[in-house]
C-alpha atoms as a PDB file:
ATOM      1  CA  MET A   1      45.881  96.825  33.824  1.00  0.00           C
ATOM      2  CA  GLU A   2      43.412  99.664  34.287  1.00  0.00           C
ATOM      3  CA  SER A   3      41.143  98.976  37.253  1.00  0.00           C
ATOM      4  CA  ARG A   4      37.378  99.200  36.995  1.00  0.00           C
ATOM      5  CA  ARG A   5      35.871 102.329  38.444  1.00  0.00           C
ATOM      6  CA  VAL A   6      33.054 102.047  40.902  1.00  0.00           C
ATOM      7  CA  ALA A   7      30.419 104.741  41.046  1.00  0.00           C
ATOM      8  CA  GLN A   8      30.906 105.823  44.645  1.00  0.00           C
ATOM      9  CA  GLY A   9      29.151 109.120  45.244  1.00  0.00           C
ATOM     10  CA  VAL A  10      28.740 109.626  41.493  1.00  0.00           C
ATOM     11  CA  PRO A  11      25.238 109.113  40.150  1.00  0.00           C
ATOM     12  CA  LEU A  12      25.223 106.160  37.771  1.00  0.00           C
ATOM     13  CA  GLU A  13      23.524 108.391  35.207  1.00  0.00           C
ATOM     14  CA  GLU A  14      26.657 110.588  35.046  1.00  0.00           C
ATOM     15  CA  TYR A  15      29.243 107.811  34.745  1.00  0.00           C
ATOM     16  CA  GLN A  16      31.657 108.343  31.841  1.00  0.00           C
ATOM     17  CA  LEU A  17      32.909 105.293  29.938  1.00  0.00           C
ATOM     18  CA  THR A  18      36.633 104.546  30.095  1.00  0.00           C
ATOM     19  CA  ARG A  19      38.925 102.879  27.562  1.00  0.00           C
ATOM     20  CA  ALA A  20      38.840  99.799  29.790  1.00  0.00           C
ATOM     21  CA  ASP A  21      35.017  99.774  29.556  1.00  0.00           C
ATOM     22  CA  HIS A  22      35.190  99.877  25.746  1.00  0.00           C
ATOM     23  CA  ARG A  23      37.795  97.091  25.730  1.00  0.00           C
ATOM     24  CA  ARG A  24      35.738  94.906  28.096  1.00  0.00           C
ATOM     25  CA  GLN A  25      32.647  95.399  25.918  1.00  0.00           C
ATOM     26  CA  GLU A  26      34.569  94.418  22.772  1.00  0.00           C
ATOM     27  CA  GLU A  27      35.900  91.309  24.543  1.00  0.00           C
ATOM     28  CA  ALA A  28      32.414  90.360  25.803  1.00  0.00           C
ATOM     29  CA  VAL A  29      30.942  90.701  22.303  1.00  0.00           C
ATOM     30  CA  ALA A  30      33.780  88.672  20.756  1.00  0.00           C
ATOM     31  CA  THR A  31      33.339  85.932  23.370  1.00  0.00           C
ATOM     32  CA  ALA A  32      29.549  85.822  22.890  1.00  0.00           C
ATOM     33  CA  ASP A  33      30.019  85.601  19.109  1.00  0.00           C
ATOM     34  CA  TRP A  34      32.525  82.741  19.510  1.00  0.00           C
ATOM     35  CA  VAL A  35      30.169  80.841  21.824  1.00  0.00           C
ATOM     36  CA  GLN A  36      27.295  81.232  19.352  1.00  0.00           C
ATOM     37  CA  ARG A  37      29.479  79.915  16.502  1.00  0.00           C
ATOM     38  CA  GLN A  38      30.486  76.898  18.609  1.00  0.00           C
ATOM     39  CA  LEU A  39      26.896  76.194  19.626  1.00  0.00           C
ATOM     40  CA  ALA A  40      25.807  76.331  15.987  1.00  0.00           C
ATOM     41  CA  LYS A  41      28.265  73.499  15.223  1.00  0.00           C
ATOM     42  CA  ALA A  42      27.063  71.277  18.067  1.00  0.00           C
ATOM     43  CA  PRO A  43      24.479  68.535  17.511  1.00  0.00           C
ATOM     44  CA  PRO A  44      21.063  69.329  18.978  1.00  0.00           C
ATOM     45  CA  TRP A  45      20.141  67.980  22.417  1.00  0.00           C
ATOM     46  CA  SER A  46      16.896  66.282  23.291  1.00  0.00           C
ATOM     47  CA  ASP A  47      14.405  68.141  25.480  1.00  0.00           C
ATOM     48  CA  GLU A  48      15.098  65.657  28.282  1.00  0.00           C
ATOM     49  CA  LYS A  49      18.838  66.286  28.150  1.00  0.00           C
ATOM     50  CA  LEU A  50      18.315  70.066  28.123  1.00  0.00           C
ATOM     51  CA  GLU A  51      16.047  69.857  31.165  1.00  0.00           C
ATOM     52  CA  ALA A  52      18.554  67.678  33.036  1.00  0.00           C
ATOM     53  CA  ILE A  53      21.406  70.107  32.329  1.00  0.00           C
ATOM     54  CA  GLN A  54      19.294  73.123  33.327  1.00  0.00           C
ATOM     55  CA  GLU A  55      18.372  71.412  36.577  1.00  0.00           C
ATOM     56  CA  LEU A  56      22.026  70.720  37.361  1.00  0.00           C
ATOM     57  CA  LEU A  57      23.176  74.250  36.537  1.00  0.00           C
ATOM     58  CA  SER A  58      20.282  76.148  38.079  1.00  0.00           C
ATOM     59  CA  PRO A  59      19.450  75.016  41.592  1.00  0.00           C
ATOM     60  CA  PRO A  60      16.524  76.983  42.986  1.00  0.00           C
ATOM     61  CA  PRO A  61      17.978  80.137  44.530  1.00  0.00           C
ATOM     62  CA  ARG A  62      17.007  81.247  48.008  1.00  0.00           C
ATOM     63  CA  PRO A  63      16.272  84.988  48.118  1.00  0.00           C
ATOM     64  CA  SER A  64      18.349  85.383  51.284  1.00  0.00           C
ATOM     65  CA  GLU A  65      21.459  84.335  49.331  1.00  0.00           C
ATOM     66  CA  PHE A  66      21.318  87.394  47.072  1.00  0.00           C
ATOM     67  CA  ALA A  67      22.066  91.097  47.271  1.00  0.00           C
ATOM     68  CA  ARG A  68      20.511  93.678  44.953  1.00  0.00           C
ATOM     69  CA  TRP A  69      22.544  96.228  42.997  1.00  0.00           C
ATOM     70  CA  ARG A  70      21.817  99.131  40.666  1.00  0.00           C
ATOM     71  CA  VAL A  71      24.157  98.798  37.705  1.00  0.00           C
ATOM     72  CA  ARG A  72      24.948 100.964  34.736  1.00  0.00           C
ATOM     73  CA  LEU A  73      25.447  98.959  31.579  1.00  0.00           C
ATOM     74  CA  TYR A  74      27.816  99.803  28.733  1.00  0.00           C
ATOM     75  CA  CYS A  75      24.833 100.923  26.646  1.00  0.00           C
ATOM     76  CA  GLY A  76      24.039 103.570  29.289  1.00  0.00           C
ATOM     77  CA  HIS A  77      20.899 101.990  30.687  1.00  0.00           C
ATOM     78  CA  ILE A  78      20.532 101.388  34.406  1.00  0.00           C
ATOM     79  CA  ARG A  79      18.929  98.285  35.831  1.00  0.00           C
ATOM     80  CA  GLU A  80      18.679  96.267  38.998  1.00  0.00           C
ATOM     81  CA  VAL A  81      20.473  92.913  39.276  1.00  0.00           C
ATOM     82  CA  ARG A  82      20.806  90.236  41.937  1.00  0.00           C
ATOM     83  CA  ARG A  83      24.137  88.638  42.769  1.00  0.00           C
ATOM     84  CA  SER A  84      25.356  86.258  45.447  1.00  0.00           C
ATOM     85  CA  ARG A  85      25.879  87.879  48.846  1.00  0.00           C
ATOM     86  CA  ASN A  86      29.288  86.170  48.886  1.00  0.00           C
ATOM     87  CA  ARG A  87      30.540  88.574  46.229  1.00  0.00           C
ATOM     88  CA  GLU A  88      31.743  92.077  47.023  1.00  0.00           C
ATOM     89  CA  ARG A  89      30.896  93.358  43.538  1.00  0.00           C
ATOM     90  CA  PRO A  90      28.158  92.534  41.019  1.00  0.00           C
ATOM     91  CA  ASP A  91      30.617  92.330  38.133  1.00  0.00           C
ATOM     92  CA  GLY A  92      33.433  89.974  37.293  1.00  0.00           C
ATOM     93  CA  GLY A  93      33.735  86.550  35.762  1.00  0.00           C
ATOM     94  CA  VAL A  94      30.732  85.310  33.846  1.00  0.00           C
ATOM     95  CA  THR A  95      28.483  87.870  35.572  1.00  0.00           C
ATOM     96  CA  ASP A  96      30.255  90.992  34.352  1.00  0.00           C
ATOM     97  CA  HIS A  97      27.578  91.631  31.756  1.00  0.00           C
ATOM     98  CA  GLU A  98      23.828  91.567  31.268  1.00  0.00           C
ATOM     99  CA  ARG A  99      21.353  91.661  28.446  1.00  0.00           C
ATOM    100  CA  CYS A 100      19.801  95.128  28.380  1.00  0.00           C
ATOM    101  CA  GLY A 101      16.029  94.908  28.549  1.00  0.00           C
ATOM    102  CA  GLU A 102      15.646  98.413  27.122  1.00  0.00           C
ATOM    103  CA  CYS A 103      17.830  98.405  23.998  1.00  0.00           C
ATOM    104  CA  GLY A 104      18.521  94.663  23.684  1.00  0.00           C
ATOM    105  CA  LEU A 105      22.328  94.952  23.669  1.00  0.00           C
ATOM    106  CA  ASP A 106      23.590  91.488  24.609  1.00  0.00           C
ATOM    107  CA  PRO A 107      26.089  91.406  26.127  1.00  0.00           C
ATOM    108  CA  SER A 108      26.303  94.826  27.752  1.00  0.00           C
ATOM    109  CA  VAL A 109      29.067  94.936  30.363  1.00  0.00           C
ATOM    110  CA  ILE A 110      28.517  96.409  33.807  1.00  0.00           C
ATOM    111  CA  VAL A 111      30.592  99.604  33.962  1.00  0.00           C
ATOM    112  CA  ALA A 112      29.466 101.030  37.309  1.00  0.00           C
ATOM    113  CA  PHE A 113      27.368  99.899  40.219  1.00  0.00           C
ATOM    114  CA  GLU A 114      26.028 100.722  43.650  1.00  0.00           C
ATOM    115  CA  PRO A 115      24.352  98.561  46.279  1.00  0.00           C
ATOM    116  CA  ILE A 116      20.656  99.061  46.875  1.00  0.00           C
ATOM    117  CA  ALA A 117      20.096 100.319  50.418  1.00  0.00           C
ATOM    118  CA  GLY A 118      19.168  97.625  52.860  1.00  0.00           C
ATOM    119  CA  ASP A 119      20.853  94.863  50.832  1.00  0.00           C
ATOM    120  CA  GLY A 120      24.316  93.356  51.007  1.00  0.00           C
END
């Protein structure tokens, strides 16, 4: 398996996409499409049930628990993200992609990253 490159000493703006990046993006899009199809089949939830689930899944984060990273997305845009300080990298698992606020690509996988000075 081809390992993910990390932009160490290479400006994120100059990062070149790899075959693995293209494959990860295709997989993320296919997964997001599948999830949307499954959600479309599900019966609607009441507002109360939605609120209860959101409360369970989203405990209020404490700022001290997060590190900030500059990430380059598959679409080429660069943004800042916050991830748990317990993680060595801002990508991986369900957090290996973001919605791009500039072009709207959703999902757009994280292809390179660097910590923001003073964090993590």
